[in-house]
Amino acid sequence: MSHLNPFATWSAARTAPGVPLLQGMLPVAPAHPAANLFFFHFMKAGPTILNSTVTGLNSYPYFSVTTDRSLPGYSAVTNPDGRVIALVEWKDRPLVEIRDVCSKRRVSDWLALSLDSSHRVMKVNGRKYIWAPHESTIYLYPAGTVTPDLLGRIYREDDGTASLELTITAVKAGLLEACVVATVLLQCGHKID
């Protein structure tokens, strides 16, 4: 089993039918042992995560990631209604724009590499978060806390599928779309700096 570690190179959610909603469009955590966690899987429709469907509970499609010839040089993340929630423009220094999260800017500014190259800092809704790698997993924590609580993680399944796991705290904080885009960027295999 091999895992791609993106840190080594540094070079509007909906819910499935029958799952209750929180605050209008956020899924409520399922009532089972992992009740505080949401799991999302990037089911590839091509050789990379850049053409994939992001599924959640009961394999319901929450987002699609599309990189096609009709929009050369771009990858789009759309919700189930087909509304584009994020665009990545693939240039020498890629750009990202996420609806209601960040205006168009360099990926390297939105997912800024720390001075010691040990983690990346992501800013969402005026708060900073840290993506920190450990072995084959990338963990998400709030920045600026002495003992931060784990908010999520990105990892690869045994079959190579990229997966995103988020706590209910992260979803309630409005991090879902940003974390989906961050997963795409950190798992795509492209240089993002």
C-alpha atoms as a PDB file:
ATOM      1  CA  MET A   1       0.000   0.000   0.000  1.00  0.00           C
ATOM      2  CA  SER A   2       1.434   3.391  -0.923  1.00  0.00           C
ATOM      3  CA  HIS A   3       0.292   6.768   0.222  1.00  0.00           C
ATOM      4  CA  LEU A   4       0.877  10.096  -1.479  1.00  0.00           C
ATOM      5  CA  ASN A   5       2.057  12.654   1.039  1.00  0.00           C
ATOM      6  CA  PRO A   6       1.442  16.097  -0.478  1.00  0.00           C
ATOM      7  CA  PHE A   7       3.603  17.686   2.189  1.00  0.00           C
ATOM      8  CA  ALA A   8       6.642  15.788   0.916  1.00  0.00           C
ATOM      9  CA  THR A   9       6.646  17.705  -2.380  1.00  0.00           C
ATOM     10  CA  TRP A  10       5.453  21.136  -1.265  1.00  0.00           C
ATOM     11  CA  SER A  11       6.694  21.923  -4.784  1.00  0.00           C
ATOM     12  CA  ALA A  12     -23.201  24.639   0.090  1.00  0.00           C
ATOM     13  CA  ALA A  13     -23.429  21.148   1.393  1.00  0.00           C
ATOM     14  CA  ARG A  14     -26.566  19.046   1.073  1.00  0.00           C
ATOM     15  CA  THR A  15     -27.617  15.894   2.804  1.00  0.00           C
ATOM     16  CA  ALA A  16     -28.801  12.478   1.722  1.00  0.00           C
ATOM     17  CA  PRO A  17     -32.520  11.819   1.707  1.00  0.00           C
ATOM     18  CA  GLY A  18     -33.751  11.018   5.201  1.00  0.00           C
ATOM     19  CA  VAL A  19     -30.810  12.699   6.972  1.00  0.00           C
ATOM     20  CA  PRO A  20     -31.949  15.703   9.008  1.00  0.00           C
ATOM     21  CA  LEU A  21     -30.510  19.158   8.324  1.00  0.00           C
ATOM     22  CA  LEU A  22     -28.938  21.575  10.770  1.00  0.00           C
ATOM     23  CA  GLN A  23     -29.117  25.325  10.114  1.00  0.00           C
ATOM     24  CA  GLY A  24     -30.818  24.723   6.771  1.00  0.00           C
ATOM     25  CA  MET A  25     -28.114  23.027   4.706  1.00  0.00           C
ATOM     26  CA  LEU A  26     -25.716  21.291   7.118  1.00  0.00           C
ATOM     27  CA  PRO A  27     -26.152  17.561   7.690  1.00  0.00           C
ATOM     28  CA  VAL A  28     -26.712  16.449  11.266  1.00  0.00           C
ATOM     29  CA  ALA A  29     -24.215  13.909  12.569  1.00  0.00           C
ATOM     30  CA  PRO A  30     -25.518  10.358  12.446  1.00  0.00           C
ATOM     31  CA  ALA A  31     -26.395   8.713  15.770  1.00  0.00           C
ATOM     32  CA  HIS A  32     -23.785   5.949  15.981  1.00  0.00           C
ATOM     33  CA  PRO A  33     -20.393   5.554  17.701  1.00  0.00           C
ATOM     34  CA  ALA A  34     -18.778   8.104  15.377  1.00  0.00           C
ATOM     35  CA  ALA A  35     -21.658  10.553  15.934  1.00  0.00           C
ATOM     36  CA  ASN A  36     -19.311  13.519  16.047  1.00  0.00           C
ATOM     37  CA  LEU A  37     -17.699  12.715  12.693  1.00  0.00           C
ATOM     38  CA  PHE A  38     -18.617  13.170   9.055  1.00  0.00           C
ATOM     39  CA  PHE A  39     -16.826  11.078   6.434  1.00  0.00           C
ATOM     40  CA  PHE A  40     -16.395  12.168   2.812  1.00  0.00           C
ATOM     41  CA  HIS A  41     -14.798  10.032   0.106  1.00  0.00           C
ATOM     42  CA  PHE A  42     -13.407  11.348  -3.183  1.00  0.00           C
ATOM     43  CA  MET A  43     -14.498   8.716  -5.690  1.00  0.00           C
ATOM     44  CA  LYS A  44     -12.270   9.197  -8.731  1.00  0.00           C
ATOM     45  CA  ALA A  45     -13.740   9.261 -12.213  1.00  0.00           C
ATOM     46  CA  GLY A  46     -10.268   9.532 -13.744  1.00  0.00           C
ATOM     47  CA  PRO A  47      -6.649   9.045 -12.796  1.00  0.00           C
ATOM     48  CA  THR A  48      -6.634  11.828 -10.171  1.00  0.00           C
ATOM     49  CA  ILE A  49      -8.813  13.469  -7.544  1.00  0.00           C
ATOM     50  CA  LEU A  50      -9.342  16.335 -10.037  1.00  0.00           C
ATOM     51  CA  ASN A  51     -12.216  14.373 -11.573  1.00  0.00           C
ATOM     52  CA  SER A  52     -14.125  12.898  -8.663  1.00  0.00           C
ATOM     53  CA  THR A  53     -17.402  12.782  -6.800  1.00  0.00           C
ATOM     54  CA  VAL A  54     -17.317  13.579  -3.093  1.00  0.00           C
ATOM     55  CA  THR A  55     -19.684  11.204  -1.346  1.00  0.00           C
ATOM     56  CA  GLY A  56     -20.831  11.121   2.250  1.00  0.00           C
ATOM     57  CA  LEU A  57     -23.354   9.183   4.281  1.00  0.00           C
ATOM     58  CA  ASN A  58     -25.034   6.403   2.241  1.00  0.00           C
ATOM     59  CA  SER A  59     -22.766   7.310  -0.721  1.00  0.00           C
ATOM     60  CA  TYR A  60     -24.787  10.483  -1.283  1.00  0.00           C
ATOM     61  CA  PRO A  61     -22.927  12.881  -3.652  1.00  0.00           C
ATOM     62  CA  TYR A  62     -22.199  16.146  -1.813  1.00  0.00           C
ATOM     63  CA  PHE A  63     -19.795  17.688  -4.340  1.00  0.00           C
ATOM     64  CA  SER A  64     -18.222  17.050  -7.740  1.00  0.00           C
ATOM     65  CA  VAL A  65     -14.709  17.965  -8.765  1.00  0.00           C
ATOM     66  CA  THR A  66     -14.368  18.458 -12.504  1.00  0.00           C
ATOM     67  CA  THR A  67     -11.387  19.235 -14.685  1.00  0.00           C
ATOM     68  CA  ASP A  68     -12.444  19.062 -18.309  1.00  0.00           C
ATOM     69  CA  ARG A  69     -11.678  20.412 -21.748  1.00  0.00           C
ATOM     70  CA  SER A  70     -14.651  22.795 -21.746  1.00  0.00           C
ATOM     71  CA  LEU A  71     -12.845  24.961 -19.191  1.00  0.00           C
ATOM     72  CA  PRO A  72      -9.127  24.437 -19.923  1.00  0.00           C
ATOM     73  CA  GLY A  73      -6.733  25.197 -17.101  1.00  0.00           C
ATOM     74  CA  TYR A  74      -9.418  25.093 -14.387  1.00  0.00           C
ATOM     75  CA  SER A  75     -10.845  22.642 -11.893  1.00  0.00           C
ATOM     76  CA  ALA A  76     -14.327  23.345 -10.542  1.00  0.00           C
ATOM     77  CA  VAL A  77     -15.960  22.113  -7.351  1.00  0.00           C
ATOM     78  CA  THR A  78     -19.746  22.071  -7.599  1.00  0.00           C
ATOM     79  CA  ASN A  79     -22.560  21.227  -5.204  1.00  0.00           C
ATOM     80  CA  PRO A  80     -25.305  18.692  -6.090  1.00  0.00           C
ATOM     81  CA  ASP A  81     -27.338  21.449  -7.775  1.00  0.00           C
ATOM     82  CA  GLY A  82     -24.450  22.094 -10.176  1.00  0.00           C
ATOM     83  CA  ARG A  83     -23.575  25.448  -8.591  1.00  0.00           C
ATOM     84  CA  VAL A  84     -19.844  26.167  -8.682  1.00  0.00           C
ATOM     85  CA  ILE A  85     -18.596  26.709  -5.138  1.00  0.00           C
ATOM     86  CA  ALA A  86     -14.880  26.846  -5.952  1.00  0.00           C
ATOM     87  CA  LEU A  87     -12.493  27.254  -8.873  1.00  0.00           C
ATOM     88  CA  VAL A  88      -8.816  26.401  -9.087  1.00  0.00           C
ATOM     89  CA  GLU A  89      -6.886  27.998 -11.916  1.00  0.00           C
ATOM     90  CA  TRP A  90      -3.859  25.893 -12.786  1.00  0.00           C
ATOM     91  CA  LYS A  91      -0.989  28.263 -13.547  1.00  0.00           C
ATOM     92  CA  ASP A  92       2.688  28.262 -12.591  1.00  0.00           C
ATOM     93  CA  ARG A  93       1.396  29.579  -9.270  1.00  0.00           C
ATOM     94  CA  PRO A  94      -2.168  28.191  -9.013  1.00  0.00           C
ATOM     95  CA  LEU A  95      -5.076  30.394  -7.928  1.00  0.00           C
ATOM     96  CA  VAL A  96      -8.116  29.441  -5.862  1.00  0.00           C
ATOM     97  CA  GLU A  97     -11.480  31.084  -5.274  1.00  0.00           C
ATOM     98  CA  ILE A  98     -14.108  29.674  -2.901  1.00  0.00           C
ATOM     99  CA  ARG A  99     -17.584  31.171  -2.755  1.00  0.00           C
ATOM    100  CA  ASP A 100     -18.219  32.865   0.609  1.00  0.00           C
ATOM    101  CA  VAL A 101     -14.785  31.753   1.881  1.00  0.00           C
ATOM    102  CA  CYS A 102     -12.026  33.495  -0.071  1.00  0.00           C
ATOM    103  CA  SER A 103     -11.730  35.734  -3.091  1.00  0.00           C
ATOM    104  CA  LYS A 104      -9.386  34.767  -5.901  1.00  0.00           C
ATOM    105  CA  ARG A 105      -5.829  34.403  -4.573  1.00  0.00           C
ATOM    106  CA  ARG A 106      -2.771  32.226  -4.874  1.00  0.00           C
ATOM    107  CA  VAL A 107      -3.195  28.775  -3.405  1.00  0.00           C
ATOM    108  CA  SER A 108       0.150  29.327  -1.656  1.00  0.00           C
ATOM    109  CA  ASP A 109      -1.384  32.318   0.155  1.00  0.00           C
ATOM    110  CA  TRP A 110      -4.597  30.538   1.151  1.00  0.00           C
ATOM    111  CA  LEU A 111      -2.781  27.326   2.176  1.00  0.00           C
ATOM    112  CA  ALA A 112       0.400  29.042   3.305  1.00  0.00           C
ATOM    113  CA  LEU A 113       3.429  26.909   4.065  1.00  0.00           C
ATOM    114  CA  SER A 114       4.923  27.624   7.493  1.00  0.00           C
ATOM    115  CA  LEU A 115       8.467  29.001   7.705  1.00  0.00           C
ATOM    116  CA  ASP A 116       9.777  25.638   8.919  1.00  0.00           C
ATOM    117  CA  SER A 117       7.735  23.737   6.279  1.00  0.00           C
ATOM    118  CA  SER A 118       6.090  21.641   9.007  1.00  0.00           C
ATOM    119  CA  HIS A 119       2.478  22.604   8.271  1.00  0.00           C
ATOM    120  CA  ARG A 120       0.160  24.780   6.199  1.00  0.00           C
ATOM    121  CA  VAL A 121      -2.065  27.572   7.498  1.00  0.00           C
ATOM    122  CA  MET A 122      -5.576  27.997   6.074  1.00  0.00           C
ATOM    123  CA  LYS A 123      -7.739  31.049   6.798  1.00  0.00           C
ATOM    124  CA  VAL A 124     -11.540  30.670   6.801  1.00  0.00           C
ATOM    125  CA  ASN A 125     -14.097  33.144   8.147  1.00  0.00           C
ATOM    126  CA  GLY A 126     -11.380  35.242   9.784  1.00  0.00           C
ATOM    127  CA  ARG A 127      -9.898  32.292  11.703  1.00  0.00           C
ATOM    128  CA  LYS A 128      -6.697  30.380  11.036  1.00  0.00           C
ATOM    129  CA  TYR A 129      -6.412  26.615  10.901  1.00  0.00           C
ATOM    130  CA  ILE A 130      -3.408  24.337  10.601  1.00  0.00           C
ATOM    131  CA  TRP A 131      -3.034  21.331   8.303  1.00  0.00           C
ATOM    132  CA  ALA A 132      -0.222  19.262   9.839  1.00  0.00           C
ATOM    133  CA  PRO A 133       1.070  16.023   8.313  1.00  0.00           C
ATOM    134  CA  HIS A 134       1.956  12.970  10.335  1.00  0.00           C
ATOM    135  CA  GLU A 135       2.974   9.855   8.423  1.00  0.00           C
ATOM    136  CA  SER A 136       0.285   9.323   5.760  1.00  0.00           C
ATOM    137  CA  THR A 137      -2.389  11.505   7.380  1.00  0.00           C
ATOM    138  CA  ILE A 138      -2.881  15.280   7.382  1.00  0.00           C
ATOM    139  CA  TYR A 139      -4.562  16.628  10.521  1.00  0.00           C
ATOM    140  CA  LEU A 140      -6.623  19.818  10.876  1.00  0.00           C
ATOM    141  CA  TYR A 141      -6.405  21.926  14.048  1.00  0.00           C
ATOM    142  CA  PRO A 142      -7.418  25.456  15.004  1.00  0.00           C
ATOM    143  CA  ALA A 143      -4.374  27.755  15.089  1.00  0.00           C
ATOM    144  CA  GLY A 144      -3.311  29.706  18.146  1.00  0.00           C
ATOM    145  CA  THR A 145      -4.439  27.325  20.866  1.00  0.00           C
ATOM    146  CA  VAL A 146      -2.172  25.672  23.413  1.00  0.00           C
ATOM    147  CA  THR A 147      -3.955  22.311  23.305  1.00  0.00           C
ATOM    148  CA  PRO A 148      -5.874  22.314  20.029  1.00  0.00           C
ATOM    149  CA  ASP A 149      -8.777  19.969  19.423  1.00  0.00           C
ATOM    150  CA  LEU A 150      -8.594  17.848  16.309  1.00  0.00           C
ATOM    151  CA  LEU A 151     -11.133  19.156  13.756  1.00  0.00           C
ATOM    152  CA  GLY A 152     -10.501  16.752  10.906  1.00  0.00           C
ATOM    153  CA  ARG A 153      -8.069  14.768   8.822  1.00  0.00           C
ATOM    154  CA  ILE A 154      -7.252  13.787   5.263  1.00  0.00           C
ATOM    155  CA  TYR A 155      -6.062  10.265   4.541  1.00  0.00           C
ATOM    156  CA  ARG A 156      -5.996   7.584   1.854  1.00  0.00           C
ATOM    157  CA  GLU A 157      -8.053   4.417   2.053  1.00  0.00           C
ATOM    158  CA  ASP A 158      -6.417   1.066   1.249  1.00  0.00           C
ATOM    159  CA  ASP A 159      -7.770   1.319  -2.310  1.00  0.00           C
ATOM    160  CA  GLY A 160      -6.155   4.769  -2.767  1.00  0.00           C
ATOM    161  CA  THR A 161      -9.380   6.749  -2.337  1.00  0.00           C
ATOM    162  CA  ALA A 162      -8.763  10.123  -0.687  1.00  0.00           C
ATOM    163  CA  SER A 163     -10.988  10.662   2.336  1.00  0.00           C
ATOM    164  CA  LEU A 164     -11.858  13.644   4.490  1.00  0.00           C
ATOM    165  CA  GLU A 165     -13.101  13.234   8.036  1.00  0.00           C
ATOM    166  CA  LEU A 166     -14.532  16.278   9.852  1.00  0.00           C
ATOM    167  CA  THR A 167     -15.920  16.766  13.333  1.00  0.00           C
ATOM    168  CA  ILE A 168     -19.343  18.285  13.822  1.00  0.00           C
ATOM    169  CA  THR A 169     -17.515  21.288  15.333  1.00  0.00           C
ATOM    170  CA  ALA A 170     -15.689  21.834  12.027  1.00  0.00           C
ATOM    171  CA  VAL A 171     -18.899  21.555   9.986  1.00  0.00           C
ATOM    172  CA  LYS A 172     -20.743  23.969  12.287  1.00  0.00           C
ATOM    173  CA  ALA A 173     -17.811  26.408  11.966  1.00  0.00           C
ATOM    174  CA  GLY A 174     -18.410  26.534   8.192  1.00  0.00           C
ATOM    175  CA  LEU A 175     -15.299  24.579   7.217  1.00  0.00           C
ATOM    176  CA  LEU A 176     -16.897  21.926   4.995  1.00  0.00           C
ATOM    177  CA  GLU A 177     -16.424  23.577   1.591  1.00  0.00           C
ATOM    178  CA  ALA A 178     -12.967  24.925   2.479  1.00  0.00           C
ATOM    179  CA  CYS A 179     -11.836  21.494   3.653  1.00  0.00           C
ATOM    180  CA  VAL A 180     -13.149  19.801   0.503  1.00  0.00           C
ATOM    181  CA  VAL A 181     -11.145  22.272  -1.610  1.00  0.00           C
ATOM    182  CA  ALA A 182      -8.086  21.875   0.633  1.00  0.00           C
ATOM    183  CA  THR A 183      -8.322  18.093   0.227  1.00  0.00           C
ATOM    184  CA  VAL A 184      -8.387  18.468  -3.559  1.00  0.00           C
ATOM    185  CA  LEU A 185      -5.357  20.760  -3.493  1.00  0.00           C
ATOM    186  CA  LEU A 186      -3.368  18.656  -1.030  1.00  0.00           C
ATOM    187  CA  GLN A 187      -4.129  15.354  -2.768  1.00  0.00           C
ATOM    188  CA  CYS A 188      -4.023  16.343  -6.445  1.00  0.00           C
ATOM    189  CA  GLY A 189      -0.293  15.768  -6.972  1.00  0.00           C
ATOM    190  CA  HIS A 190       0.234  19.211  -8.528  1.00  0.00           C
ATOM    191  CA  LYS A 191       2.679  21.802  -7.260  1.00  0.00           C
ATOM    192  CA  ILE A 192       0.640  24.352  -5.295  1.00  0.00           C
ATOM    193  CA  ASP A 193       3.377  26.794  -4.264  1.00  0.00           C
END
